[in-house]
Structure formats: structure tokens, C-alpha cells
Amino acid sequence: MANHKSSLKRIRANEKKRIANRYYAVTMRHMLRDFRALTDKTQAETMLPKLVSAIDRLAKRTVIHKNKAANLKSSCMKKIATL
């Protein structure tokens, strides 16, 4: 266990940030799941900007790696092209 007051504060702050990051990541995964389930191209095209924005936000906050974000966005674009 940490001995310094600042270390204890850092532990508390890190836990809050971890929970928030998990929430955003799970929300993005649910959006991705819903997007992949779509069969209508117009619905997919309207949902795509929101999904890409969420993925970019997670990459910016380093919740997910930037290359993973690029791969996810690429697969979404491929999905729309095949619809």
C-alpha cells in the first residue's frame, strides 16, 4: 500500500479514470455491435459518423490504440461498401 498522501490521491484518481474509460469503451463496442448488425445501407451511413467519432475520441484519450482505431474504422467502411 502507498505511504504518501499524493500516492493515495493518485490511486483514487486512477480508479475513477479507469471506470470512466471502461464505460466509454463498452459504449463504443455496443455501437460497433449495433452497426455490424445493420443490413440497410442508409441506416449504416447515418450511424457511421457517430461511430467514427466515438472511436476517434477513444484513440485520442488512449483508451484504445490508434492503430486499433484505424482498423475498426476501416472495417466499418468495408461493411458499408459491401451493403
C-alpha atoms as a PDB file:
ATOM      1  CA  MET A   1       0.000   0.000   0.000  1.00  0.00           C
ATOM      2  CA  ALA A   2       1.171   3.528  -0.754  1.00  0.00           C
ATOM      3  CA  ASN A   3       2.530   5.632   2.083  1.00  0.00           C
ATOM      4  CA  HIS A   4       2.433   9.144   0.639  1.00  0.00           C
ATOM      5  CA  LYS A   5      -0.655  11.294   0.611  1.00  0.00           C
ATOM      6  CA  SER A   6      -0.157  12.129  -3.069  1.00  0.00           C
ATOM      7  CA  SER A   7       0.183   8.442  -3.932  1.00  0.00           C
ATOM      8  CA  LEU A   8      -3.129   7.676  -2.273  1.00  0.00           C
ATOM      9  CA  LYS A   9      -4.749  10.523  -4.186  1.00  0.00           C
ATOM     10  CA  ARG A  10      -3.248   9.261  -7.445  1.00  0.00           C
ATOM     11  CA  ILE A  11      -4.644   5.775  -6.761  1.00  0.00           C
ATOM     12  CA  ARG A  12      -8.131   7.213  -6.233  1.00  0.00           C
ATOM     13  CA  ALA A  13      -7.919   9.373  -9.368  1.00  0.00           C
ATOM     14  CA  ASN A  14      -6.632   6.477 -11.477  1.00  0.00           C
ATOM     15  CA  GLU A  15      -9.537   4.291 -10.370  1.00  0.00           C
ATOM     16  CA  LYS A  16     -12.076   6.964 -11.346  1.00  0.00           C
ATOM     17  CA  LYS A  17     -10.435   7.400 -14.731  1.00  0.00           C
ATOM     18  CA  ARG A  18     -10.290   3.625 -15.270  1.00  0.00           C
ATOM     19  CA  ILE A  19     -14.019   3.288 -14.625  1.00  0.00           C
ATOM     20  CA  ALA A  20     -14.809   6.190 -16.959  1.00  0.00           C
ATOM     21  CA  ASN A  21     -12.589   4.751 -19.696  1.00  0.00           C
ATOM     22  CA  ARG A  22     -14.251   1.330 -19.372  1.00  0.00           C
ATOM     23  CA  TYR A  23     -17.665   3.000 -19.738  1.00  0.00           C
ATOM     24  CA  TYR A  24     -16.642   4.775 -22.951  1.00  0.00           C
ATOM     25  CA  ALA A  25     -15.021   1.634 -24.355  1.00  0.00           C
ATOM     26  CA  VAL A  26     -18.073  -0.529 -23.662  1.00  0.00           C
ATOM     27  CA  THR A  27     -20.362   2.122 -25.155  1.00  0.00           C
ATOM     28  CA  MET A  28     -18.249   2.165 -28.318  1.00  0.00           C
ATOM     29  CA  ARG A  29     -18.301  -1.642 -28.507  1.00  0.00           C
ATOM     30  CA  HIS A  30     -22.095  -1.625 -28.240  1.00  0.00           C
ATOM     31  CA  MET A  31     -22.296   0.948 -31.038  1.00  0.00           C
ATOM     32  CA  LEU A  32     -19.983  -1.251 -33.113  1.00  0.00           C
ATOM     33  CA  ARG A  33     -22.122  -4.319 -32.435  1.00  0.00           C
ATOM     34  CA  ASP A  34     -25.272  -2.457 -33.487  1.00  0.00           C
ATOM     35  CA  PHE A  35     -23.531  -1.131 -36.596  1.00  0.00           C
ATOM     36  CA  ARG A  36     -22.357  -4.592 -37.661  1.00  0.00           C
ATOM     37  CA  ALA A  37     -25.901  -5.944 -37.253  1.00  0.00           C
ATOM     38  CA  LEU A  38     -27.348  -3.397 -39.716  1.00  0.00           C
ATOM     39  CA  THR A  39     -28.458  -4.575 -43.142  1.00  0.00           C
ATOM     40  CA  ASP A  40     -29.787  -1.268 -44.505  1.00  0.00           C
ATOM     41  CA  LYS A  41     -27.164   0.910 -46.195  1.00  0.00           C
ATOM     42  CA  THR A  42     -28.884   4.231 -45.428  1.00  0.00           C
ATOM     43  CA  GLN A  43     -29.086   3.414 -41.719  1.00  0.00           C
ATOM     44  CA  ALA A  44     -25.441   2.381 -41.723  1.00  0.00           C
ATOM     45  CA  GLU A  45     -24.388   5.602 -43.446  1.00  0.00           C
ATOM     46  CA  THR A  46     -26.241   7.715 -40.878  1.00  0.00           C
ATOM     47  CA  MET A  47     -24.742   5.777 -37.971  1.00  0.00           C
ATOM     48  CA  LEU A  48     -21.174   5.786 -39.322  1.00  0.00           C
ATOM     49  CA  PRO A  49     -20.174   9.388 -38.371  1.00  0.00           C
ATOM     50  CA  LYS A  50     -21.233   8.863 -34.736  1.00  0.00           C
ATOM     51  CA  LEU A  51     -19.349   5.596 -34.561  1.00  0.00           C
ATOM     52  CA  VAL A  52     -16.183   7.027 -36.137  1.00  0.00           C
ATOM     53  CA  SER A  53     -16.359   9.988 -33.766  1.00  0.00           C
ATOM     54  CA  ALA A  54     -16.594   7.685 -30.738  1.00  0.00           C
ATOM     55  CA  ILE A  55     -13.679   5.576 -31.970  1.00  0.00           C
ATOM     56  CA  ASP A  56     -11.548   8.675 -32.567  1.00  0.00           C
ATOM     57  CA  ARG A  57     -12.343  10.004 -29.090  1.00  0.00           C
ATOM     58  CA  LEU A  58     -11.172   6.755 -27.502  1.00  0.00           C
ATOM     59  CA  ALA A  59      -7.980   6.787 -29.563  1.00  0.00           C
ATOM     60  CA  LYS A  60      -7.316  10.397 -28.602  1.00  0.00           C
ATOM     61  CA  ARG A  61      -7.685   9.529 -24.913  1.00  0.00           C
ATOM     62  CA  THR A  62      -5.506   6.420 -25.478  1.00  0.00           C
ATOM     63  CA  VAL A  63      -8.251   4.124 -24.219  1.00  0.00           C
ATOM     64  CA  ILE A  64      -7.645   2.150 -27.421  1.00  0.00           C
ATOM     65  CA  HIS A  65      -4.544   2.207 -29.597  1.00  0.00           C
ATOM     66  CA  LYS A  66      -4.576   4.479 -32.650  1.00  0.00           C
ATOM     67  CA  ASN A  67      -3.914   1.522 -34.969  1.00  0.00           C
ATOM     68  CA  LYS A  68      -6.842  -0.385 -33.489  1.00  0.00           C
ATOM     69  CA  ALA A  69      -8.994   2.680 -34.094  1.00  0.00           C
ATOM     70  CA  ALA A  70      -7.828   2.796 -37.706  1.00  0.00           C
ATOM     71  CA  ASN A  71      -8.572  -0.914 -38.149  1.00  0.00           C
ATOM     72  CA  LEU A  72     -12.063  -0.551 -36.665  1.00  0.00           C
ATOM     73  CA  LYS A  73     -12.877   2.420 -38.897  1.00  0.00           C
ATOM     74  CA  SER A  74     -11.540   0.583 -41.936  1.00  0.00           C
ATOM     75  CA  SER A  75     -13.703  -2.452 -41.246  1.00  0.00           C
ATOM     76  CA  CYS A  76     -16.752  -0.182 -40.868  1.00  0.00           C
ATOM     77  CA  MET A  77     -16.033   1.407 -44.253  1.00  0.00           C
ATOM     78  CA  LYS A  78     -15.711  -2.039 -45.818  1.00  0.00           C
ATOM     79  CA  LYS A  79     -19.025  -3.042 -44.279  1.00  0.00           C
ATOM     80  CA  ILE A  80     -20.777  -0.058 -45.896  1.00  0.00           C
ATOM     81  CA  ALA A  81     -19.134  -0.787 -49.245  1.00  0.00           C
ATOM     82  CA  THR A  82     -20.466  -4.351 -49.231  1.00  0.00           C
ATOM     83  CA  LEU A  83     -24.046  -3.358 -48.325  1.00  0.00           C
END
